[in-house]
Amino acid sequence: MNILNVCDSAEWDIVAYQALHTAAKFLKLGHNAAVVCPRGSRLYAECQKLKVEAKPFTLGAKFGFFETAGWDVVHFYNPDSLNPLLLKKARASSKVFVTQLKLGSPRAFERLAAAQPYVHKYVAACNSVQEDLLGAGVDSARTFVVPPCISIGRWESAMLIKPAMFQKRPYKVGTITMDKTLREQELFLLMAKEVLEVLPETNFMVVGLKDERIRQLARNLGISHKVDVLWERNDIPEVMAMMHIYAKTSRREGLSMSLIEAQASGVACVVPRLRGLSDFTVHERNGMIVEPNDILDCTRAVARLIASPQVCHSMSKMAFDYVNNNMSVPVVANLLIRLYEEAQA
């Protein structure tokens, strides 16, 4: 089968990750696969590392001037826009798929729904995205939920040491965020201060956005000696190996790659009850769900996990098993191949 993944954004994010790793897996399964993406983007460079053919997404391509003939499937990943001319050309010779990973405005989903005459299947990354597609008027028969994929092997080493880690003290609670408003970091540090009131030996870690004001927030709260601020890192598997608990203090809906990575690393996760973020978590089974912006609720969940190492370990194991069984690259790639084959039948 000939499969062309199209990613029109230059960002290196959960969307680009999906386009890259599914294409790489299709090649290993014996299919012909390539990725169309902006030249100079990290995705373009990562394609070359994994020996996936990368084709440049130009301004002309945005308006429909690139060749789709010869491809059985043209799969758009979270497109910023779906040009009718491009879709019409693609549909003439290929089955067109659209994966939507991000939640957005009603108008964005209405634009996706308007492309229905040219789209064979809309692939939603979670139930919340599927609900928004249906709400915008997409026919339910045209939608299918396929969770985001993750290359599990990179995170398994962190998972393997977790049984021993959960017996060690003090516990380390971490978060990863690029929130430029610093609100997520502030909520995490406020929770840390509350936890330290009852469990003073606990350590904390803030990873992500490089901003000296984060350290200042910790100083102002009098907890800087208990908080490591690591900025953006390229060794996240090693960082996850040091964490016992991952606490997501986001206020915004949407999927989080760092949350999936934490689950794949066997880190027990505390997640706010927000669409997208909590879609793959069952409370007290593979994670703890707390109310968003509720510092005390988050504090109680973290404190309970620290006080119950066996519960913490059991929850982290179930989180890993869920990701491994539902989100690993082979599982997601096989689901997509099955959809493509049904479309060709």
C-alpha atoms as a PDB file:
ATOM      1  CA  MET A   1       0.000   0.000   0.000  1.00  0.00           C
ATOM      2  CA  ASN A   2       1.218   3.537  -0.775  1.00  0.00           C
ATOM      3  CA  ILE A   3       0.590   5.919   2.142  1.00  0.00           C
ATOM      4  CA  LEU A   4       1.314   9.647   2.191  1.00  0.00           C
ATOM      5  CA  ASN A   5       1.201  11.458   5.548  1.00  0.00           C
ATOM      6  CA  VAL A   6       0.712  15.232   5.299  1.00  0.00           C
ATOM      7  CA  CYS A   7       1.612  17.576   8.173  1.00  0.00           C
ATOM      8  CA  ASP A   8       1.420  21.262   7.212  1.00  0.00           C
ATOM      9  CA  SER A   9       2.684  22.677  10.518  1.00  0.00           C
ATOM     10  CA  ALA A  10       6.366  23.408  11.208  1.00  0.00           C
ATOM     11  CA  GLU A  11       5.909  22.679  14.939  1.00  0.00           C
ATOM     12  CA  TRP A  12       7.550  19.646  16.532  1.00  0.00           C
ATOM     13  CA  ASP A  13       4.645  18.424  18.643  1.00  0.00           C
ATOM     14  CA  ILE A  14       2.326  15.479  19.200  1.00  0.00           C
ATOM     15  CA  VAL A  15       0.960  15.921  15.651  1.00  0.00           C
ATOM     16  CA  ALA A  16       4.358  15.774  13.936  1.00  0.00           C
ATOM     17  CA  TYR A  17       5.310  12.803  16.143  1.00  0.00           C
ATOM     18  CA  GLN A  18       2.296  10.832  14.870  1.00  0.00           C
ATOM     19  CA  ALA A  19       2.984  11.609  11.205  1.00  0.00           C
ATOM     20  CA  LEU A  20       6.618  10.529  11.595  1.00  0.00           C
ATOM     21  CA  HIS A  21       6.297   7.343  13.633  1.00  0.00           C
ATOM     22  CA  THR A  22       3.297   5.915  11.794  1.00  0.00           C
ATOM     23  CA  ALA A  23       5.088   6.424   8.453  1.00  0.00           C
ATOM     24  CA  ALA A  24       8.249   4.767   9.812  1.00  0.00           C
ATOM     25  CA  LYS A  25       6.224   1.777  11.036  1.00  0.00           C
ATOM     26  CA  PHE A  26       4.364   1.445   7.705  1.00  0.00           C
ATOM     27  CA  LEU A  27       7.755   1.130   5.997  1.00  0.00           C
ATOM     28  CA  LYS A  28       8.798  -1.626   8.420  1.00  0.00           C
ATOM     29  CA  LEU A  29       5.548  -3.443   7.649  1.00  0.00           C
ATOM     30  CA  GLY A  30       6.451  -3.486   3.964  1.00  0.00           C
ATOM     31  CA  HIS A  31       4.346  -0.576   2.728  1.00  0.00           C
ATOM     32  CA  ASN A  32       5.533   2.477   0.815  1.00  0.00           C
ATOM     33  CA  ALA A  33       5.216   5.581   2.989  1.00  0.00           C
ATOM     34  CA  ALA A  34       6.352   9.200   2.872  1.00  0.00           C
ATOM     35  CA  VAL A  35       5.735  12.422   4.777  1.00  0.00           C
ATOM     36  CA  VAL A  36       4.903  15.840   3.345  1.00  0.00           C
ATOM     37  CA  CYS A  37       5.973  18.591   5.752  1.00  0.00           C
ATOM     38  CA  PRO A  38       7.645  22.038   5.708  1.00  0.00           C
ATOM     39  CA  ARG A  39      11.281  21.922   4.633  1.00  0.00           C
ATOM     40  CA  GLY A  40      13.519  23.032   7.487  1.00  0.00           C
ATOM     41  CA  SER A  41      11.133  21.766  10.165  1.00  0.00           C
ATOM     42  CA  ARG A  42      12.318  19.307  12.781  1.00  0.00           C
ATOM     43  CA  LEU A  43       9.871  16.776  11.350  1.00  0.00           C
ATOM     44  CA  TYR A  44      11.647  17.024   7.994  1.00  0.00           C
ATOM     45  CA  ALA A  45      14.985  16.347   9.721  1.00  0.00           C
ATOM     46  CA  GLU A  46      13.599  13.492  11.854  1.00  0.00           C
ATOM     47  CA  CYS A  47      12.253  11.830   8.682  1.00  0.00           C
ATOM     48  CA  GLN A  48      15.783  11.711   7.324  1.00  0.00           C
ATOM     49  CA  LYS A  49      17.075  10.150  10.573  1.00  0.00           C
ATOM     50  CA  LEU A  50      14.476   7.365  10.377  1.00  0.00           C
ATOM     51  CA  LYS A  51      14.970   6.956   6.612  1.00  0.00           C
ATOM     52  CA  VAL A  52      11.424   8.108   5.817  1.00  0.00           C
ATOM     53  CA  GLU A  53      11.100   9.995   2.532  1.00  0.00           C
ATOM     54  CA  ALA A  54      10.246  13.634   3.245  1.00  0.00           C
ATOM     55  CA  LYS A  55       8.580  15.796   0.619  1.00  0.00           C
ATOM     56  CA  PRO A  56       8.473  19.590   1.107  1.00  0.00           C
ATOM     57  CA  PHE A  57       5.139  21.178   1.908  1.00  0.00           C
ATOM     58  CA  THR A  58       5.332  24.467   0.025  1.00  0.00           C
ATOM     59  CA  LEU A  59       3.022  27.462  -0.223  1.00  0.00           C
ATOM     60  CA  GLY A  60       1.879  26.030  -3.540  1.00  0.00           C
ATOM     61  CA  ALA A  61       1.037  22.739  -1.831  1.00  0.00           C
ATOM     62  CA  LYS A  62      -1.180  24.597   0.606  1.00  0.00           C
ATOM     63  CA  PHE A  63      -3.295  25.733  -2.319  1.00  0.00           C
ATOM     64  CA  GLY A  64      -3.490  22.312  -3.926  1.00  0.00           C
ATOM     65  CA  PHE A  65      -0.437  22.267  -6.157  1.00  0.00           C
ATOM     66  CA  PHE A  66       1.255  19.020  -5.203  1.00  0.00           C
ATOM     67  CA  GLU A  67       0.925  15.579  -6.672  1.00  0.00           C
ATOM     68  CA  THR A  68      -1.186  12.979  -4.888  1.00  0.00           C
ATOM     69  CA  ALA A  69      -1.527  10.527  -7.780  1.00  0.00           C
ATOM     70  CA  GLY A  70      -0.023   7.128  -7.072  1.00  0.00           C
ATOM     71  CA  TRP A  71      -0.872   7.181  -3.360  1.00  0.00           C
ATOM     72  CA  ASP A  72      -3.566   4.791  -2.142  1.00  0.00           C
ATOM     73  CA  VAL A  73      -4.028   6.854   1.024  1.00  0.00           C
ATOM     74  CA  VAL A  74      -3.403  10.555   1.637  1.00  0.00           C
ATOM     75  CA  HIS A  75      -3.602  11.138   5.381  1.00  0.00           C
ATOM     76  CA  PHE A  76      -3.718  14.717   6.704  1.00  0.00           C
ATOM     77  CA  TYR A  77      -2.575  15.198  10.313  1.00  0.00           C
ATOM     78  CA  ASN A  78      -4.268  18.072  12.168  1.00  0.00           C
ATOM     79  CA  PRO A  79      -4.387  20.286   9.075  1.00  0.00           C
ATOM     80  CA  ASP A  80      -4.468  24.045   9.625  1.00  0.00           C
ATOM     81  CA  SER A  81      -6.649  24.261   6.538  1.00  0.00           C
ATOM     82  CA  LEU A  82      -8.162  21.823   4.067  1.00  0.00           C
ATOM     83  CA  ASN A  83      -8.112  23.422   0.631  1.00  0.00           C
ATOM     84  CA  PRO A  84     -11.024  22.127  -1.501  1.00  0.00           C
ATOM     85  CA  LEU A  85      -8.840  21.997  -4.627  1.00  0.00           C
ATOM     86  CA  LEU A  86      -6.218  19.897  -2.839  1.00  0.00           C
ATOM     87  CA  LEU A  87      -8.870  17.585  -1.384  1.00  0.00           C
ATOM     88  CA  LYS A  88     -10.632  17.206  -4.717  1.00  0.00           C
ATOM     89  CA  LYS A  89      -7.350  16.263  -6.391  1.00  0.00           C
ATOM     90  CA  ALA A  90      -6.446  13.826  -3.632  1.00  0.00           C
ATOM     91  CA  ARG A  91      -9.894  12.215  -3.584  1.00  0.00           C
ATOM     92  CA  ALA A  92      -9.761  11.591  -7.358  1.00  0.00           C
ATOM     93  CA  SER A  93      -7.005   8.994  -6.974  1.00  0.00           C
ATOM     94  CA  SER A  94      -6.704   8.251  -3.241  1.00  0.00           C
ATOM     95  CA  LYS A  95      -8.662   7.633  -0.064  1.00  0.00           C
ATOM     96  CA  VAL A  96      -8.440  10.744   2.095  1.00  0.00           C
ATOM     97  CA  PHE A  97      -8.085  10.484   5.885  1.00  0.00           C
ATOM     98  CA  VAL A  98      -7.929  13.331   8.394  1.00  0.00           C
ATOM     99  CA  THR A  99      -6.537  12.815  11.882  1.00  0.00           C
ATOM    100  CA  GLN A 100      -7.499  15.453  14.438  1.00  0.00           C
ATOM    101  CA  LEU A 101      -5.477  15.357  17.643  1.00  0.00           C
ATOM    102  CA  LYS A 102      -6.150  18.783  19.075  1.00  0.00           C
ATOM    103  CA  LEU A 103      -9.295  20.290  20.497  1.00  0.00           C
ATOM    104  CA  GLY A 104     -10.153  23.703  19.111  1.00  0.00           C
ATOM    105  CA  SER A 105     -12.830  26.264  18.427  1.00  0.00           C
ATOM    106  CA  PRO A 106     -16.232  25.242  17.028  1.00  0.00           C
ATOM    107  CA  ARG A 107     -15.359  27.138  13.850  1.00  0.00           C
ATOM    108  CA  ALA A 108     -12.236  24.979  13.321  1.00  0.00           C
ATOM    109  CA  PHE A 109     -14.329  21.815  13.564  1.00  0.00           C
ATOM    110  CA  GLU A 110     -16.967  23.296  11.268  1.00  0.00           C
ATOM    111  CA  ARG A 111     -14.240  23.798   8.646  1.00  0.00           C
ATOM    112  CA  LEU A 112     -13.271  20.147   9.044  1.00  0.00           C
ATOM    113  CA  ALA A 113     -16.908  19.080   8.710  1.00  0.00           C
ATOM    114  CA  ALA A 114     -17.271  21.132   5.508  1.00  0.00           C
ATOM    115  CA  ALA A 115     -14.665  18.863   3.888  1.00  0.00           C
ATOM    116  CA  GLN A 116     -16.854  15.747   4.305  1.00  0.00           C
ATOM    117  CA  PRO A 117     -17.523  15.253   0.566  1.00  0.00           C
ATOM    118  CA  TYR A 118     -13.795  14.593   0.072  1.00  0.00           C
ATOM    119  CA  VAL A 119     -12.884  12.757   3.300  1.00  0.00           C
ATOM    120  CA  HIS A 120     -13.266   9.010   3.637  1.00  0.00           C
ATOM    121  CA  LYS A 121     -12.648   8.875   7.388  1.00  0.00           C
ATOM    122  CA  TYR A 122     -12.015  11.327  10.230  1.00  0.00           C
ATOM    123  CA  VAL A 123      -9.680   9.819  12.819  1.00  0.00           C
ATOM    124  CA  ALA A 124     -10.148  11.351  16.275  1.00  0.00           C
ATOM    125  CA  ALA A 125      -7.313  11.006  18.785  1.00  0.00           C
ATOM    126  CA  CYS A 126      -9.706  10.733  21.731  1.00  0.00           C
ATOM    127  CA  ASN A 127     -13.413  10.662  22.553  1.00  0.00           C
ATOM    128  CA  SER A 128     -13.513  14.410  23.208  1.00  0.00           C
ATOM    129  CA  VAL A 129     -12.231  15.162  19.696  1.00  0.00           C
ATOM    130  CA  GLN A 130     -14.783  12.740  18.238  1.00  0.00           C
ATOM    131  CA  GLU A 131     -17.562  14.506  20.178  1.00  0.00           C
ATOM    132  CA  ASP A 132     -16.495  17.840  18.671  1.00  0.00           C
ATOM    133  CA  LEU A 133     -16.448  16.368  15.162  1.00  0.00           C
ATOM    134  CA  LEU A 134     -19.953  14.996  15.641  1.00  0.00           C
ATOM    135  CA  GLY A 135     -21.103  18.298  17.139  1.00  0.00           C
ATOM    136  CA  ALA A 136     -19.836  20.096  14.024  1.00  0.00           C
ATOM    137  CA  GLY A 137     -21.970  17.860  11.833  1.00  0.00           C
ATOM    138  CA  VAL A 138     -19.596  15.085  10.771  1.00  0.00           C
ATOM    139  CA  ASP A 139     -21.455  11.844  10.065  1.00  0.00           C
ATOM    140  CA  SER A 140     -20.735   9.380  12.899  1.00  0.00           C
ATOM    141  CA  ALA A 141     -20.059   6.634  10.324  1.00  0.00           C
ATOM    142  CA  ARG A 142     -17.151   8.704   9.048  1.00  0.00           C
ATOM    143  CA  THR A 143     -15.407   8.938  12.441  1.00  0.00           C
ATOM    144  CA  PHE A 144     -13.170   6.485  14.260  1.00  0.00           C
ATOM    145  CA  VAL A 145     -11.103   6.896  17.420  1.00  0.00           C
ATOM    146  CA  VAL A 146      -7.415   5.957  17.184  1.00  0.00           C
ATOM    147  CA  PRO A 147      -5.324   7.099  20.169  1.00  0.00           C
ATOM    148  CA  PRO A 148      -1.989   8.847  19.665  1.00  0.00           C
ATOM    149  CA  CYS A 149       1.032   6.569  19.342  1.00  0.00           C
ATOM    150  CA  ILE A 150       4.231   6.503  21.345  1.00  0.00           C
ATOM    151  CA  SER A 151       7.451   4.602  20.711  1.00  0.00           C
ATOM    152  CA  ILE A 152       7.262   2.532  23.892  1.00  0.00           C
ATOM    153  CA  GLY A 153      10.800   1.128  23.776  1.00  0.00           C
ATOM    154  CA  ARG A 154      12.291   4.507  24.621  1.00  0.00           C
ATOM    155  CA  TRP A 155      10.380   4.621  27.915  1.00  0.00           C
ATOM    156  CA  GLU A 156      10.462   0.995  29.070  1.00  0.00           C
ATOM    157  CA  SER A 157      13.770   1.367  30.919  1.00  0.00           C
ATOM    158  CA  ALA A 158      12.149   3.929  33.226  1.00  0.00           C
ATOM    159  CA  MET A 159       9.244   1.542  33.787  1.00  0.00           C
ATOM    160  CA  LEU A 160      11.537  -1.373  34.687  1.00  0.00           C
ATOM    161  CA  ILE A 161      13.081   0.392  37.674  1.00  0.00           C
ATOM    162  CA  LYS A 162       9.789   1.649  39.097  1.00  0.00           C
ATOM    163  CA  PRO A 163       9.073  -1.315  41.455  1.00  0.00           C
ATOM    164  CA  ALA A 164      12.287  -0.500  43.323  1.00  0.00           C
ATOM    165  CA  MET A 165      11.715   3.251  43.027  1.00  0.00           C
ATOM    166  CA  PHE A 166       8.359   3.104  44.818  1.00  0.00           C
ATOM    167  CA  GLN A 167      10.060   1.600  47.862  1.00  0.00           C
ATOM    168  CA  LYS A 168      12.557   4.470  48.112  1.00  0.00           C
ATOM    169  CA  ARG A 169      12.126   7.735  49.981  1.00  0.00           C
ATOM    170  CA  PRO A 170      11.900  10.628  49.630  1.00  0.00           C
ATOM    171  CA  TYR A 171       9.415  10.667  46.758  1.00  0.00           C
ATOM    172  CA  LYS A 172       9.942  13.018  43.820  1.00  0.00           C
ATOM    173  CA  VAL A 173       6.901  14.703  42.268  1.00  0.00           C
ATOM    174  CA  GLY A 174       7.369  16.338  38.877  1.00  0.00           C
ATOM    175  CA  THR A 175       5.656  18.172  36.070  1.00  0.00           C
ATOM    176  CA  ILE A 176       6.559  19.129  32.509  1.00  0.00           C
ATOM    177  CA  THR A 177       5.050  22.264  31.021  1.00  0.00           C
ATOM    178  CA  MET A 178       5.817  24.945  28.447  1.00  0.00           C
ATOM    179  CA  ASP A 179       3.112  27.302  29.738  1.00  0.00           C
ATOM    180  CA  LYS A 180       4.376  30.826  29.030  1.00  0.00           C
ATOM    181  CA  THR A 181       1.786  32.352  31.350  1.00  0.00           C
ATOM    182  CA  LEU A 182       3.469  30.432  34.224  1.00  0.00           C
ATOM    183  CA  ARG A 183       0.042  29.636  35.646  1.00  0.00           C
ATOM    184  CA  GLU A 184       0.612  25.879  35.411  1.00  0.00           C
ATOM    185  CA  GLN A 185       3.996  26.204  37.120  1.00  0.00           C
ATOM    186  CA  GLU A 186       2.474  28.405  39.809  1.00  0.00           C
ATOM    187  CA  LEU A 187      -0.325  25.913  40.521  1.00  0.00           C
ATOM    188  CA  PHE A 188       2.204  23.091  40.735  1.00  0.00           C
ATOM    189  CA  LEU A 189       4.367  25.042  43.203  1.00  0.00           C
ATOM    190  CA  LEU A 190       1.345  25.997  45.313  1.00  0.00           C
ATOM    191  CA  MET A 191       0.437  22.306  45.475  1.00  0.00           C
ATOM    192  CA  ALA A 192       4.051  21.482  46.384  1.00  0.00           C
ATOM    193  CA  LYS A 193       3.921  23.936  49.296  1.00  0.00           C
ATOM    194  CA  GLU A 194       0.752  22.274  50.614  1.00  0.00           C
ATOM    195  CA  VAL A 195       2.270  18.778  50.306  1.00  0.00           C
ATOM    196  CA  LEU A 196       5.417  19.896  52.122  1.00  0.00           C
ATOM    197  CA  GLU A 197       3.279  21.051  55.062  1.00  0.00           C
ATOM    198  CA  VAL A 198       2.362  17.406  55.761  1.00  0.00           C
ATOM    199  CA  LEU A 199       5.182  15.505  54.018  1.00  0.00           C
ATOM    200  CA  PRO A 200       8.251  17.753  54.394  1.00  0.00           C
ATOM    201  CA  GLU A 201      10.707  15.206  52.991  1.00  0.00           C
ATOM    202  CA  THR A 202       9.106  15.218  49.517  1.00  0.00           C
ATOM    203  CA  ASN A 203      11.085  16.641  46.566  1.00  0.00           C
ATOM    204  CA  PHE A 204       9.714  18.348  43.462  1.00  0.00           C
ATOM    205  CA  MET A 205      10.799  18.957  39.887  1.00  0.00           C
ATOM    206  CA  VAL A 206       9.623  21.463  37.259  1.00  0.00           C
ATOM    207  CA  VAL A 207      10.756  20.731  33.681  1.00  0.00           C
ATOM    208  CA  GLY A 208      10.072  22.674  30.497  1.00  0.00           C
ATOM    209  CA  LEU A 209       9.894  26.399  29.847  1.00  0.00           C
ATOM    210  CA  LYS A 210      13.107  28.278  30.540  1.00  0.00           C
ATOM    211  CA  ASP A 211      12.107  31.258  32.648  1.00  0.00           C
ATOM    212  CA  GLU A 212      13.942  32.448  35.748  1.00  0.00           C
ATOM    213  CA  ARG A 213      10.622  33.631  37.201  1.00  0.00           C
ATOM    214  CA  ILE A 214       9.791  29.975  37.992  1.00  0.00           C
ATOM    215  CA  ARG A 215      12.676  29.844  40.470  1.00  0.00           C
ATOM    216  CA  GLN A 216      11.489  33.161  41.895  1.00  0.00           C
ATOM    217  CA  LEU A 217       7.988  31.749  42.405  1.00  0.00           C
ATOM    218  CA  ALA A 218       9.523  28.883  44.404  1.00  0.00           C
ATOM    219  CA  ARG A 219      11.611  31.342  46.442  1.00  0.00           C
ATOM    220  CA  ASN A 220       8.582  33.486  47.184  1.00  0.00           C
ATOM    221  CA  LEU A 221       6.782  30.414  48.525  1.00  0.00           C
ATOM    222  CA  GLY A 222       9.806  29.450  50.642  1.00  0.00           C
ATOM    223  CA  ILE A 223      10.225  26.045  48.951  1.00  0.00           C
ATOM    224  CA  SER A 224      13.081  26.641  46.472  1.00  0.00           C
ATOM    225  CA  HIS A 225      15.342  24.244  48.409  1.00  0.00           C
ATOM    226  CA  LYS A 226      12.853  21.422  47.656  1.00  0.00           C
ATOM    227  CA  VAL A 227      12.311  22.177  43.972  1.00  0.00           C
ATOM    228  CA  ASP A 228      14.607  21.367  41.043  1.00  0.00           C
ATOM    229  CA  VAL A 229      13.952  23.599  38.017  1.00  0.00           C
ATOM    230  CA  LEU A 230      15.432  21.857  34.962  1.00  0.00           C
ATOM    231  CA  TRP A 231      14.217  23.882  31.938  1.00  0.00           C
ATOM    232  CA  GLU A 232      13.664  22.134  28.610  1.00  0.00           C
ATOM    233  CA  ARG A 233      15.466  18.780  28.326  1.00  0.00           C
ATOM    234  CA  ASN A 234      16.423  16.269  25.634  1.00  0.00           C
ATOM    235  CA  ASP A 235      16.706  13.392  28.118  1.00  0.00           C
ATOM    236  CA  ILE A 236      13.065  13.120  29.212  1.00  0.00           C
ATOM    237  CA  PRO A 237      13.180   9.295  29.618  1.00  0.00           C
ATOM    238  CA  GLU A 238      15.946   9.779  32.193  1.00  0.00           C
ATOM    239  CA  VAL A 239      13.946  12.562  33.844  1.00  0.00           C
ATOM    240  CA  MET A 240      10.870  10.308  34.031  1.00  0.00           C
ATOM    241  CA  ALA A 241      13.023   7.599  35.613  1.00  0.00           C
ATOM    242  CA  MET A 242      13.662   9.955  38.551  1.00  0.00           C
ATOM    243  CA  MET A 243       9.965  10.722  39.133  1.00  0.00           C
ATOM    244  CA  HIS A 244       7.564   8.796  41.348  1.00  0.00           C
ATOM    245  CA  ILE A 245       4.537  10.974  40.587  1.00  0.00           C
ATOM    246  CA  TYR A 246       3.680  13.227  37.645  1.00  0.00           C
ATOM    247  CA  ALA A 247       1.207  15.997  38.468  1.00  0.00           C
ATOM    248  CA  LYS A 248      -0.360  17.806  35.509  1.00  0.00           C
ATOM    249  CA  THR A 249      -1.649  21.198  36.600  1.00  0.00           C
ATOM    250  CA  SER A 250      -2.916  22.363  33.215  1.00  0.00           C
ATOM    251  CA  ARG A 251      -5.955  24.630  32.984  1.00  0.00           C
ATOM    252  CA  ARG A 252      -6.442  23.981  29.259  1.00  0.00           C
ATOM    253  CA  GLU A 253      -8.169  21.109  27.492  1.00  0.00           C
ATOM    254  CA  GLY A 254      -6.247  18.918  25.076  1.00  0.00           C
ATOM    255  CA  LEU A 255      -3.931  15.953  24.804  1.00  0.00           C
ATOM    256  CA  SER A 256      -0.514  16.071  26.465  1.00  0.00           C
ATOM    257  CA  MET A 257       2.447  14.148  25.068  1.00  0.00           C
ATOM    258  CA  SER A 258       4.351  14.500  28.351  1.00  0.00           C
ATOM    259  CA  LEU A 259       1.438  12.896  30.223  1.00  0.00           C
ATOM    260  CA  ILE A 260       1.456   9.917  27.844  1.00  0.00           C
ATOM    261  CA  GLU A 261       5.244   9.683  28.233  1.00  0.00           C
ATOM    262  CA  ALA A 262       4.879   9.686  32.027  1.00  0.00           C
ATOM    263  CA  GLN A 263       2.343   6.852  31.852  1.00  0.00           C
ATOM    264  CA  ALA A 264       4.624   4.929  29.490  1.00  0.00           C
ATOM    265  CA  SER A 265       7.442   5.380  32.023  1.00  0.00           C
ATOM    266  CA  GLY A 266       5.461   3.873  34.875  1.00  0.00           C
ATOM    267  CA  VAL A 267       5.059   7.184  36.696  1.00  0.00           C
ATOM    268  CA  ALA A 268       1.849   7.475  38.716  1.00  0.00           C
ATOM    269  CA  CYS A 269      -0.114  10.413  37.281  1.00  0.00           C
ATOM    270  CA  VAL A 270      -2.426  13.013  38.782  1.00  0.00           C
ATOM    271  CA  VAL A 271      -4.529  14.538  36.011  1.00  0.00           C
ATOM    272  CA  PRO A 272      -7.090  17.383  35.964  1.00  0.00           C
ATOM    273  CA  ARG A 273     -10.619  16.522  34.842  1.00  0.00           C
ATOM    274  CA  LEU A 274     -10.313  18.239  31.467  1.00  0.00           C
ATOM    275  CA  ARG A 275     -11.397  17.069  28.023  1.00  0.00           C
ATOM    276  CA  GLY A 276      -8.548  15.351  26.233  1.00  0.00           C
ATOM    277  CA  LEU A 277      -6.222  15.303  29.238  1.00  0.00           C
ATOM    278  CA  SER A 278      -8.341  12.873  31.261  1.00  0.00           C
ATOM    279  CA  ASP A 279      -9.802  10.897  28.331  1.00  0.00           C
ATOM    280  CA  PHE A 280      -7.406   7.983  28.814  1.00  0.00           C
ATOM    281  CA  THR A 281      -7.440   7.898  32.626  1.00  0.00           C
ATOM    282  CA  VAL A 282      -9.799   5.873  34.800  1.00  0.00           C
ATOM    283  CA  HIS A 283      -9.824   7.375  38.286  1.00  0.00           C
ATOM    284  CA  GLU A 284      -7.947   5.283  40.884  1.00  0.00           C
ATOM    285  CA  ARG A 285      -7.059   2.635  38.305  1.00  0.00           C
ATOM    286  CA  ASN A 286      -4.433   4.018  35.935  1.00  0.00           C
ATOM    287  CA  GLY A 287      -4.251   7.478  37.505  1.00  0.00           C
ATOM    288  CA  MET A 288      -5.882   9.990  39.815  1.00  0.00           C
ATOM    289  CA  ILE A 289      -8.312  12.535  38.368  1.00  0.00           C
ATOM    290  CA  VAL A 290      -8.675  15.807  40.262  1.00  0.00           C
ATOM    291  CA  GLU A 291     -10.689  18.952  39.720  1.00  0.00           C
ATOM    292  CA  PRO A 292      -8.855  21.566  37.602  1.00  0.00           C
ATOM    293  CA  ASN A 293      -7.442  24.597  39.435  1.00  0.00           C
ATOM    294  CA  ASP A 294      -8.162  22.884  42.769  1.00  0.00           C
ATOM    295  CA  ILE A 295      -4.866  22.977  44.651  1.00  0.00           C
ATOM    296  CA  LEU A 296      -6.183  21.103  47.669  1.00  0.00           C
ATOM    297  CA  ASP A 297      -7.700  18.314  45.570  1.00  0.00           C
ATOM    298  CA  CYS A 298      -4.375  17.878  43.766  1.00  0.00           C
ATOM    299  CA  THR A 299      -2.532  17.986  47.110  1.00  0.00           C
ATOM    300  CA  ARG A 300      -4.749  15.252  48.567  1.00  0.00           C
ATOM    301  CA  ALA A 301      -4.172  13.009  45.539  1.00  0.00           C
ATOM    302  CA  VAL A 302      -0.389  13.455  45.618  1.00  0.00           C
ATOM    303  CA  ALA A 303      -0.224  12.944  49.397  1.00  0.00           C
ATOM    304  CA  ARG A 304      -2.312   9.791  49.153  1.00  0.00           C
ATOM    305  CA  LEU A 305       0.017   8.309  46.525  1.00  0.00           C
ATOM    306  CA  ILE A 306       3.101   9.138  48.591  1.00  0.00           C
ATOM    307  CA  ALA A 307       1.537   7.535  51.664  1.00  0.00           C
ATOM    308  CA  SER A 308       0.587   4.367  49.736  1.00  0.00           C
ATOM    309  CA  PRO A 309       3.589   3.033  47.771  1.00  0.00           C
ATOM    310  CA  GLN A 310       1.724  -0.140  46.766  1.00  0.00           C
ATOM    311  CA  VAL A 311      -1.236   1.820  45.412  1.00  0.00           C
ATOM    312  CA  CYS A 312       1.172   4.145  43.633  1.00  0.00           C
ATOM    313  CA  HIS A 313       3.026   1.241  42.005  1.00  0.00           C
ATOM    314  CA  SER A 314      -0.159  -0.604  41.043  1.00  0.00           C
ATOM    315  CA  MET A 315      -1.566   2.534  39.423  1.00  0.00           C
ATOM    316  CA  SER A 316       1.654   3.180  37.508  1.00  0.00           C
ATOM    317  CA  LYS A 317       1.729  -0.422  36.241  1.00  0.00           C
ATOM    318  CA  MET A 318      -1.843  -0.164  34.974  1.00  0.00           C
ATOM    319  CA  ALA A 319      -1.000   3.138  33.265  1.00  0.00           C
ATOM    320  CA  PHE A 320       1.956   1.524  31.491  1.00  0.00           C
ATOM    321  CA  ASP A 321      -0.122  -1.479  30.461  1.00  0.00           C
ATOM    322  CA  TYR A 322      -2.836   0.767  29.036  1.00  0.00           C
ATOM    323  CA  VAL A 323      -0.363   2.781  26.963  1.00  0.00           C
ATOM    324  CA  ASN A 324       1.517  -0.332  25.844  1.00  0.00           C
ATOM    325  CA  ASN A 325      -1.657  -2.147  24.803  1.00  0.00           C
ATOM    326  CA  ASN A 326      -3.425   0.810  23.173  1.00  0.00           C
ATOM    327  CA  MET A 327      -0.911   3.488  22.196  1.00  0.00           C
ATOM    328  CA  SER A 328       2.303   1.740  21.182  1.00  0.00           C
ATOM    329  CA  VAL A 329       3.387   2.444  17.591  1.00  0.00           C
ATOM    330  CA  PRO A 330       2.693  -1.146  16.366  1.00  0.00           C
ATOM    331  CA  VAL A 331      -0.849  -1.125  17.800  1.00  0.00           C
ATOM    332  CA  VAL A 332      -1.747   2.284  16.336  1.00  0.00           C
ATOM    333  CA  ALA A 333      -0.126   1.515  12.965  1.00  0.00           C
ATOM    334  CA  ASN A 334      -2.044  -1.767  12.705  1.00  0.00           C
ATOM    335  CA  LEU A 335      -5.318   0.020  13.501  1.00  0.00           C
ATOM    336  CA  LEU A 336      -4.645   2.546  10.749  1.00  0.00           C
ATOM    337  CA  ILE A 337      -3.672  -0.141   8.226  1.00  0.00           C
ATOM    338  CA  ARG A 338      -6.928  -1.911   8.976  1.00  0.00           C
ATOM    339  CA  LEU A 339      -8.861   1.306   8.286  1.00  0.00           C
ATOM    340  CA  TYR A 340      -6.942   1.854   5.070  1.00  0.00           C
ATOM    341  CA  GLU A 341      -7.613  -1.716   3.900  1.00  0.00           C
ATOM    342  CA  GLU A 342     -11.325  -1.364   4.604  1.00  0.00           C
ATOM    343  CA  ALA A 343     -11.335   1.843   2.562  1.00  0.00           C
ATOM    344  CA  GLN A 344      -9.703   0.055  -0.379  1.00  0.00           C
ATOM    345  CA  ALA A 345     -12.130  -2.893  -0.299  1.00  0.00           C
END
